[in-house]
Protein backbone atom coordinates (compact mmCIF):
# COMPACT_ATOMS: atom_id res chain seq x y z
CA MET A 1 20.38 51.75 6.40
CA SER A 2 17.65 50.25 8.45
CA GLU A 3 18.19 47.04 10.32
CA PRO A 4 15.78 44.09 9.81
CA ASN A 5 13.02 43.90 12.30
CA PRO A 6 13.81 41.02 14.66
CA GLY A 7 10.17 40.55 15.45
CA PRO A 8 8.49 40.52 18.83
CA ALA A 9 10.71 39.76 21.71
CA LYS A 10 10.32 36.29 23.21
CA GLY A 11 9.91 35.98 26.89
CA PRO A 12 11.45 33.29 29.04
CA GLY A 13 8.34 31.06 28.82
CA SER A 14 7.54 31.50 25.18
CA GLY A 15 10.11 29.15 23.61
CA PRO A 16 10.00 25.32 23.70
CA ALA A 17 11.99 24.45 26.77
CA PRO A 18 13.92 21.15 26.69
CA GLY A 19 11.84 19.61 29.50
CA ARG A 20 8.57 20.52 27.84
CA ALA A 21 9.73 19.06 24.50
CA ALA A 22 10.63 15.79 26.21
CA ASP A 23 7.22 15.68 27.90
CA THR A 24 5.55 16.29 24.53
CA ALA A 25 7.52 13.44 22.93
CA LYS A 26 6.62 11.07 25.76
CA ALA A 27 2.96 12.01 25.49
CA GLY A 28 3.03 11.35 21.73
CA LYS A 29 4.60 7.92 22.25
CA GLY A 30 2.02 7.16 24.93
CA ARG A 31 -0.79 8.04 22.55
CA VAL A 32 0.69 5.76 19.89
CA ARG A 33 0.91 2.89 22.37
CA ARG A 34 -2.67 3.48 23.50
CA ASP A 35 -3.85 3.57 19.89
CA ARG A 36 -2.07 0.29 19.19
CA ALA A 37 -3.52 -1.25 22.34
CA SER A 38 -7.02 -0.10 21.45
CA ARG A 39 -6.65 -1.63 18.01
CA GLY A 40 -5.17 -4.91 19.25
CA ILE A 41 -5.50 -7.11 22.30
CA ARG A 42 -4.56 -5.36 25.52
CA GLY A 43 -1.97 -6.75 27.88
CA GLY A 44 -2.25 -10.46 28.53
CA GLU A 45 -5.80 -10.85 27.22
CA GLY A 46 -4.50 -12.63 24.14
CA LEU A 47 -2.74 -15.26 26.24
CA ALA A 48 -5.81 -15.63 28.46
CA GLY A 49 -8.01 -16.13 25.41
CA TRP A 50 -5.77 -18.89 24.06
CA LEU A 51 -5.77 -20.57 27.46
CA PHE A 52 -9.56 -20.56 27.55
CA VAL A 53 -9.95 -22.07 24.06
CA SER A 54 -7.04 -24.51 24.40
CA PRO A 55 -9.19 -27.41 25.76
CA VAL A 56 -11.48 -27.18 22.74
CA LEU A 57 -8.51 -26.96 20.39
CA VAL A 58 -6.95 -30.03 21.98
CA VAL A 59 -10.19 -32.03 21.70
CA LEU A 60 -10.73 -30.96 18.07
CA GLY A 61 -7.13 -31.74 17.26
CA LEU A 62 -7.23 -35.23 18.79
CA PHE A 63 -10.64 -36.30 17.55
CA LEU A 64 -11.00 -34.36 14.29
CA VAL A 65 -7.73 -33.15 12.77
CA VAL A 66 -5.63 -36.21 13.65
CA PRO A 67 -8.20 -38.76 12.34
CA ILE A 68 -8.60 -36.76 9.11
CA ALA A 69 -4.82 -36.70 8.63
CA MET A 70 -4.63 -40.44 9.32
CA ALA A 71 -7.46 -41.13 6.85
CA LEU A 72 -5.68 -39.05 4.22
CA TRP A 73 -2.54 -41.13 4.71
CA VAL A 74 -4.56 -44.35 4.49
CA SER A 75 -6.09 -43.19 1.18
CA LEU A 76 -2.55 -42.81 -0.18
CA SER A 77 -1.28 -46.16 1.12
CA ASP A 78 -1.93 -49.90 0.72
CA TRP A 79 -2.98 -50.49 4.33
CA LYS A 80 -5.33 -53.50 4.68
CA GLY A 81 -6.69 -52.77 8.15
CA GLN A 82 -4.26 -54.94 10.11
CA GLY A 83 -1.71 -53.44 12.46
CA SER A 84 -0.73 -49.80 12.44
CA PRO A 85 -1.16 -47.79 9.24
CA PHE A 86 2.23 -46.23 10.00
CA SER A 87 4.16 -49.49 10.26
CA SER A 88 7.03 -50.31 7.93
CA GLY A 89 4.90 -52.85 6.03
CA VAL A 90 2.53 -50.15 4.79
CA HIS A 91 3.68 -48.53 1.55
CA PHE A 92 2.88 -45.21 -0.08
CA VAL A 93 0.99 -45.76 -3.35
CA GLY A 94 0.11 -42.15 -4.20
CA GLY A 95 -3.07 -41.70 -6.20
CA GLU A 96 -3.49 -45.38 -7.10
CA ASN A 97 -6.58 -45.79 -4.90
CA TYR A 98 -8.14 -42.70 -6.46
CA GLY A 99 -7.22 -43.86 -9.96
CA GLN A 100 -8.94 -47.21 -9.51
CA LEU A 101 -12.14 -45.38 -8.60
CA VAL A 102 -12.09 -42.70 -11.29
CA THR A 103 -9.92 -43.60 -14.27
CA LYS A 104 -9.15 -47.35 -14.33
CA SER A 105 -11.83 -49.61 -15.77
CA GLY A 106 -12.93 -52.33 -13.38
CA LEU A 107 -15.35 -53.29 -10.66
CA ALA A 108 -14.16 -50.54 -8.32
CA GLN A 109 -14.83 -47.83 -10.89
CA SER A 110 -18.16 -49.36 -11.90
CA ASP A 111 -19.39 -49.54 -8.30
CA PHE A 112 -18.21 -46.03 -7.50
CA MET A 113 -19.84 -44.49 -10.57
CA THR A 114 -23.02 -46.43 -9.84
CA SER A 115 -23.06 -45.03 -6.32
CA LEU A 116 -22.55 -41.49 -7.65
CA ARG A 117 -25.42 -41.96 -10.09
CA ASN A 118 -27.74 -43.26 -7.37
CA ASN A 119 -26.79 -40.49 -4.96
CA ALA A 120 -27.14 -37.81 -7.63
CA TYR A 121 -30.74 -38.87 -8.31
CA TYR A 122 -31.33 -39.06 -4.56
CA VAL A 123 -30.11 -35.46 -4.11
CA LEU A 124 -32.03 -34.28 -7.17
CA PHE A 125 -35.33 -35.51 -5.70
CA VAL A 126 -34.86 -35.11 -1.95
CA VAL A 127 -33.47 -31.57 -1.68
CA PRO A 128 -36.21 -29.78 -3.67
CA LEU A 129 -39.02 -31.90 -2.21
CA GLN A 130 -37.98 -31.54 1.43
CA THR A 131 -37.35 -27.80 1.00
CA ALA A 132 -40.72 -27.19 -0.65
CA LEU A 133 -42.54 -29.34 1.93
CA ALA A 134 -40.75 -27.63 4.84
CA LEU A 135 -41.58 -24.16 3.51
CA GLY A 136 -45.21 -25.13 2.90
CA LEU A 137 -45.58 -26.53 6.40
CA ALA A 138 -43.97 -23.42 7.89
CA LEU A 139 -46.38 -21.15 6.03
CA LEU A 140 -49.26 -23.34 7.19
CA VAL A 141 -48.42 -23.37 10.90
CA ASN A 142 -47.53 -19.67 10.81
CA GLY A 143 -51.03 -18.71 9.69
CA ARG A 144 -52.79 -16.23 11.94
CA ARG A 145 -56.13 -18.01 11.85
CA LEU A 146 -54.85 -21.55 12.44
CA LYS A 147 -56.02 -23.03 15.72
CA GLY A 148 -53.93 -25.54 17.63
CA LYS A 149 -50.61 -24.30 16.22
CA GLY A 150 -48.63 -26.01 18.97
CA PHE A 151 -50.14 -29.40 18.15
CA PHE A 152 -49.45 -29.15 14.41
CA ARG A 153 -45.91 -27.90 14.93
CA THR A 154 -45.18 -30.82 17.24
CA ALA A 155 -46.84 -33.33 14.92
CA TYR A 156 -44.88 -32.18 11.88
CA TYR A 157 -41.61 -32.06 13.80
CA PHE A 158 -42.05 -35.41 15.55
CA PRO A 159 -40.66 -37.61 12.69
CA SER A 160 -37.41 -35.61 12.79
CA VAL A 161 -36.65 -36.60 16.38
CA THR A 162 -37.67 -40.24 15.99
CA SER A 163 -34.95 -42.83 15.48
CA SER A 164 -34.13 -43.18 11.79
CA VAL A 165 -33.50 -46.89 12.29
CA ALA A 166 -36.97 -47.41 13.81
CA ILE A 167 -38.65 -45.44 11.02
CA SER A 168 -36.68 -47.37 8.39
CA VAL A 169 -37.89 -50.68 9.82
CA VAL A 170 -41.49 -49.43 9.80
CA PHE A 171 -41.14 -48.34 6.17
CA LEU A 172 -39.86 -51.80 5.27
CA PHE A 173 -43.19 -53.23 6.45
CA ILE A 174 -45.20 -50.47 4.75
CA PHE A 175 -43.51 -50.99 1.37
CA SER A 176 -43.30 -54.77 1.49
CA SER A 177 -45.13 -56.86 -1.12
CA SER A 178 -48.12 -57.29 1.22
CA GLY A 179 -47.73 -53.92 2.93
CA VAL A 180 -50.07 -51.01 3.28
CA VAL A 181 -48.93 -49.22 0.13
CA ASN A 182 -49.50 -52.20 -2.19
CA SER A 183 -52.83 -52.93 -0.47
CA LEU A 184 -54.03 -49.39 -1.20
CA LEU A 185 -52.79 -49.59 -4.77
CA ALA A 186 -54.65 -52.89 -5.24
CA LYS A 187 -57.93 -51.19 -4.28
CA VAL A 188 -57.60 -48.83 -7.23
CA GLY A 189 -56.60 -51.62 -9.63
CA VAL A 190 -52.83 -51.07 -9.58
CA ASP A 191 -50.52 -54.02 -9.09
CA GLY A 192 -47.89 -52.60 -6.75
CA PRO A 193 -44.22 -53.45 -7.33
CA ALA A 194 -41.95 -55.44 -5.07
CA TRP A 195 -40.42 -52.22 -3.83
CA PHE A 196 -37.14 -53.52 -2.49
CA ALA A 197 -36.68 -56.22 -5.13
CA ASP A 198 -37.27 -54.23 -8.33
CA PRO A 199 -33.98 -52.83 -9.73
CA ARG A 200 -35.59 -50.87 -12.57
CA GLY A 201 -35.32 -47.10 -12.62
CA ILE A 202 -38.43 -44.98 -12.78
CA ILE A 203 -37.22 -43.22 -15.94
CA HIS A 204 -36.73 -46.59 -17.61
CA LEU A 205 -40.22 -47.58 -16.47
CA ALA A 206 -41.65 -44.36 -17.90
CA LEU A 207 -39.86 -44.91 -21.23
CA GLY A 208 -41.14 -48.50 -21.29
CA ALA A 209 -44.68 -47.12 -21.08
CA PHE A 210 -43.97 -45.27 -24.34
CA GLY A 211 -42.75 -48.40 -26.09
CA VAL A 212 -38.99 -48.28 -25.41
CA ASN A 213 -37.70 -51.83 -24.96
CA GLN A 214 -35.53 -51.99 -21.86
CA ASP A 215 -33.86 -55.20 -22.98
CA ALA A 216 -32.84 -53.62 -26.30
CA PRO A 217 -32.33 -49.89 -25.61
CA PRO A 218 -31.24 -47.43 -28.31
CA SER A 219 -27.72 -48.27 -29.47
CA ALA A 220 -26.59 -44.64 -29.15
CA LEU A 221 -27.25 -44.85 -25.40
CA ALA A 222 -26.26 -48.45 -24.80
CA ASP A 223 -22.92 -48.29 -26.66
CA THR A 224 -21.67 -44.97 -25.26
CA THR A 225 -19.82 -45.45 -21.97
CA VAL A 226 -18.95 -42.76 -19.40
CA GLY A 227 -17.08 -43.75 -16.26
CA GLY A 228 -17.70 -47.45 -16.77
CA LEU A 229 -21.47 -47.04 -17.20
CA SER A 230 -23.44 -46.67 -20.40
CA LEU A 231 -25.56 -43.60 -20.99
CA TRP A 232 -28.61 -45.86 -20.77
CA ASP A 233 -27.61 -46.75 -17.21
CA TRP A 234 -26.91 -43.11 -16.33
CA ILE A 235 -30.43 -42.00 -17.30
CA SER A 236 -32.20 -44.86 -15.50
CA GLY A 237 -33.44 -42.63 -12.71
CA PRO A 238 -33.81 -43.75 -9.10
CA SER A 239 -34.93 -47.33 -8.66
CA VAL A 240 -38.26 -48.24 -7.10
CA ALA A 241 -36.43 -49.07 -3.85
CA MET A 242 -34.61 -45.72 -3.88
CA THR A 243 -37.95 -43.98 -4.48
CA ALA A 244 -39.28 -45.51 -1.26
CA ILE A 245 -36.19 -44.29 0.61
CA ILE A 246 -36.67 -40.82 -0.88
CA VAL A 247 -40.24 -40.73 0.45
CA LEU A 248 -38.98 -41.77 3.86
CA VAL A 249 -36.23 -39.14 4.01
CA VAL A 250 -38.43 -36.28 2.80
CA TRP A 251 -41.03 -37.13 5.45
CA THR A 252 -38.50 -37.36 8.29
CA THR A 253 -36.38 -34.28 7.48
CA ALA A 254 -39.02 -31.73 6.50
CA GLY A 255 -39.92 -31.08 10.15
CA THR A 256 -36.46 -29.81 11.08
CA PHE A 257 -36.30 -27.42 8.15
CA MET A 258 -39.88 -26.35 8.87
CA LEU A 259 -38.71 -24.92 12.21
CA MET A 260 -35.95 -22.94 10.47
CA PHE A 261 -38.42 -21.44 8.01
CA LEU A 262 -40.91 -20.80 10.81
CA ALA A 263 -38.33 -18.84 12.81
CA ALA A 264 -37.48 -16.77 9.73
CA LEU A 265 -41.15 -16.11 8.97
CA GLN A 266 -41.75 -14.85 12.50
CA ASP A 267 -38.83 -12.44 12.12
CA ILE A 268 -40.48 -10.72 9.16
CA PRO A 269 -42.09 -7.47 10.43
CA LEU A 270 -45.86 -7.58 10.27
CA GLU A 271 -45.91 -4.01 8.97
CA VAL A 272 -44.16 -5.11 5.76
CA GLU A 273 -46.85 -7.64 4.90
CA GLU A 274 -49.63 -5.24 5.89
CA ALA A 275 -48.16 -2.53 3.66
CA ALA A 276 -48.01 -4.95 0.74
CA GLU A 277 -51.60 -6.00 1.41
CA ILE A 278 -52.75 -2.38 1.50
CA ASP A 279 -51.06 -1.84 -1.87
CA GLY A 280 -53.44 -4.42 -3.29
CA THR A 281 -51.10 -7.36 -3.78
CA GLY A 282 -52.47 -10.88 -3.70
CA ARG A 283 -51.19 -13.81 -1.64
CA TRP A 284 -48.94 -15.17 -4.35
CA GLN A 285 -47.51 -11.71 -5.11
CA ARG A 286 -46.80 -11.08 -1.42
CA PHE A 287 -45.14 -14.46 -1.11
CA ARG A 288 -43.04 -14.04 -4.24
CA HIS A 289 -42.00 -10.40 -3.89
CA VAL A 290 -42.02 -9.87 -0.09
CA THR A 291 -41.79 -13.12 1.88
CA LEU A 292 -39.48 -15.18 -0.32
CA PRO A 293 -36.75 -12.50 -0.74
CA MET A 294 -36.65 -12.02 3.04
CA LEU A 295 -36.29 -15.80 3.48
CA LYS A 296 -33.25 -15.98 1.20
CA PRO A 297 -30.63 -16.44 3.98
CA THR A 298 -32.71 -19.21 5.57
CA LEU A 299 -33.33 -20.78 2.17
CA PHE A 300 -29.59 -20.89 1.56
CA LEU A 301 -29.05 -22.53 4.97
CA VAL A 302 -31.75 -25.14 4.36
CA LEU A 303 -30.48 -25.98 0.89
CA THR A 304 -26.89 -26.24 2.14
CA LEU A 305 -27.77 -28.52 5.05
CA GLY A 306 -30.01 -30.60 2.80
CA LEU A 307 -27.30 -30.94 0.17
CA ILE A 308 -24.69 -32.03 2.72
CA GLY A 309 -27.06 -34.46 4.42
CA THR A 310 -28.23 -36.11 1.20
CA TRP A 311 -24.70 -36.74 -0.02
CA GLN A 312 -23.91 -38.39 3.32
CA VAL A 313 -26.94 -40.71 3.46
CA PHE A 314 -26.02 -43.99 5.13
CA ASP A 315 -28.30 -45.24 7.91
CA GLN A 316 -31.43 -45.67 5.78
CA ILE A 317 -29.41 -47.51 3.13
CA TYR A 318 -27.79 -49.76 5.72
CA VAL A 319 -31.08 -50.69 7.41
CA MET A 320 -33.41 -50.93 4.42
CA SER A 321 -31.44 -52.23 1.43
CA GLN A 322 -27.62 -52.33 1.84
CA GLY A 323 -27.29 -51.38 -1.80
CA SER A 324 -29.79 -53.89 -3.17
CA PRO A 325 -31.51 -54.57 -5.51
CA GLY A 326 -28.84 -54.68 -8.19
CA LYS A 327 -26.76 -51.97 -6.48
CA THR A 328 -29.46 -49.40 -7.30
CA THR A 329 -29.46 -48.05 -3.72
CA LEU A 330 -25.68 -48.05 -3.35
CA THR A 331 -24.37 -44.65 -2.22
CA PRO A 332 -20.79 -43.37 -1.79
CA ALA A 333 -21.09 -43.30 2.01
CA PHE A 334 -22.30 -46.89 2.18
CA LEU A 335 -19.76 -47.97 -0.47
CA SER A 336 -16.97 -46.43 1.63
CA TYR A 337 -18.15 -48.45 4.64
CA GLN A 338 -18.54 -51.63 2.59
CA THR A 339 -15.14 -51.27 0.91
CA SER A 340 -13.34 -50.58 4.19
CA PHE A 341 -15.02 -52.74 6.83
CA ILE A 342 -16.24 -55.66 4.70
CA ASN A 343 -13.74 -55.90 1.84
CA ASN A 344 -10.77 -54.61 3.91
CA GLU A 345 -9.78 -52.23 1.11
CA TRP A 346 -9.13 -49.36 3.49
CA GLY A 347 -7.22 -47.27 0.98
CA GLN A 348 -10.10 -47.26 -1.49
CA GLY A 349 -12.64 -46.69 1.28
CA SER A 350 -10.76 -43.62 2.51
CA ALA A 351 -10.34 -42.37 -1.08
CA ILE A 352 -14.12 -42.59 -1.57
CA ALA A 353 -14.63 -40.53 1.59
CA PHE A 354 -12.28 -37.77 0.41
CA ILE A 355 -13.81 -37.69 -3.08
CA LEU A 356 -17.22 -37.38 -1.43
CA PHE A 357 -15.89 -34.52 0.70
CA ALA A 358 -14.64 -32.74 -2.43
CA ILE A 359 -18.04 -33.20 -4.12
CA ILE A 360 -19.86 -31.72 -1.12
CA VAL A 361 -17.54 -28.69 -0.98
CA ALA A 362 -17.87 -28.09 -4.72
CA MET A 363 -21.67 -28.36 -4.61
CA THR A 364 -21.87 -26.00 -1.64
CA LEU A 365 -19.69 -23.38 -3.35
CA LEU A 366 -21.75 -23.67 -6.53
CA GLN A 367 -24.96 -23.26 -4.58
CA ARG A 368 -23.55 -20.24 -2.79
CA PHE A 369 -22.61 -18.69 -6.14
CA VAL A 370 -26.06 -19.29 -7.60
CA LEU A 371 -27.94 -17.93 -4.56
CA ARG A 372 -25.65 -14.96 -3.94
CA ASP A 373 -27.08 -11.44 -3.63
CA LYS A 374 -26.12 -9.93 -6.98
CA ASP A 375 -26.53 -6.31 -5.84
CA GLU A 376 -24.36 -6.92 -2.79
CA ALA A 377 -21.80 -8.73 -4.94
CA ARG A 378 -21.64 -5.75 -7.34
CA ALA A 379 -21.20 -3.33 -4.41
CA LYS A 380 -18.36 -5.42 -2.97
CA ALA A 381 -16.69 -5.66 -6.38
CA THR A 382 -16.92 -1.87 -6.81
CA THR A 383 -15.42 -1.33 -3.35
CA ARG A 384 -12.56 -3.73 -4.10
CA ARG A 385 -11.82 -1.99 -7.40
CA ALA A 386 -11.82 1.41 -5.73
CA ALA A 387 -9.50 0.20 -2.97
CA LYS A 388 -7.15 -1.34 -5.53
CA ALA A 389 -7.11 1.85 -7.55
CA ALA A 390 -6.38 3.91 -4.42
CA ARG A 391 -3.47 1.63 -3.49
CA SER A 392 -1.98 1.86 -6.98
CA GLY A 393 -2.30 5.65 -6.99
CA SER A 394 -4.62 5.81 -9.98
CA GLY A 395 -7.72 6.57 -8.01
CA PRO A 396 -9.20 9.99 -7.30
CA THR A 397 -7.12 12.16 -4.98
CA THR A 398 -8.27 14.79 -2.53
CA GLY A 399 -6.68 18.10 -1.71
CA ALA A 400 -4.61 20.52 -3.81
CA ALA A 401 -0.93 20.46 -4.50
């Protein structure tokens, strides 16, 4: 009977010696540590990074996070502005300050809803106008054949760096009863309004031109109330005074956004526009199908900054009208200041500020959703679904069993 073949004989160096196995294990552990270090922060670099950013974190914490936390507490308390808001005499009232602004009928709700209406019309007019004007100016000063580009860029940008208070005072003189605007209107036979004394909305004025009596509006609009205001008041449109402020803001802010659009236009490769021109496209087609899609990130930035800035308008209102005439230029930012510093209702003033913050965040998220890149969103959604399927084990597998 034949014996099983033991195989080739192993020499003294052919088997895994104990020392060599230990060296192999150490090398494997070293590779694991190096891989972890390459993926993470090496050594004490993490601690050094925190030490470098700690001064900024301390400053932001003291002058941003702490005041916001204090304001949040004030909005939930009955503090009247005297003494410390954390003293024993200050009581927690929960959402009472918010309820008086949103749900409870009264002067506080009426003023707050009026300010929201005024600011909504302000945003509705200012954001599209300043964006369109800024883009038009950017296209103009970016033209190849325009001479004196530096002069025009400076001239268009100059109102943006001028003091808003000084410009507001100048506009008060321009739009006064005997100002330049009314003088020019008089030359063409138009009796100009008393801009900062006329509380009527421009939509009401337009409806009056078609025979709608403002003193006796349709009962369906006058008798239906939403948030303490009738539907007739909601559709009044911006007042004549607010219209003057809108003109001022559009003129002073378009220069800043013009520079953003100009920088984006100069980043567009010249070869792209030349190729579109060779293909026989006209100016409008090139702008719509080539230039505008490549400006989408900048357009989103301009619209976002414009939306945030218009909901926070304060200085022009404070200098030019302080809410007059008839509270038609009252805005949430100015109402928060007036409620807190003048009426000493600090809880309501802080509540207005936080409601305004929530409105700005909601509007920004909505704008981001509307202006999102749909193709990129579909690709990300497909990737997420594939990753989820792979984690659950239902996705496609590779290799053979």
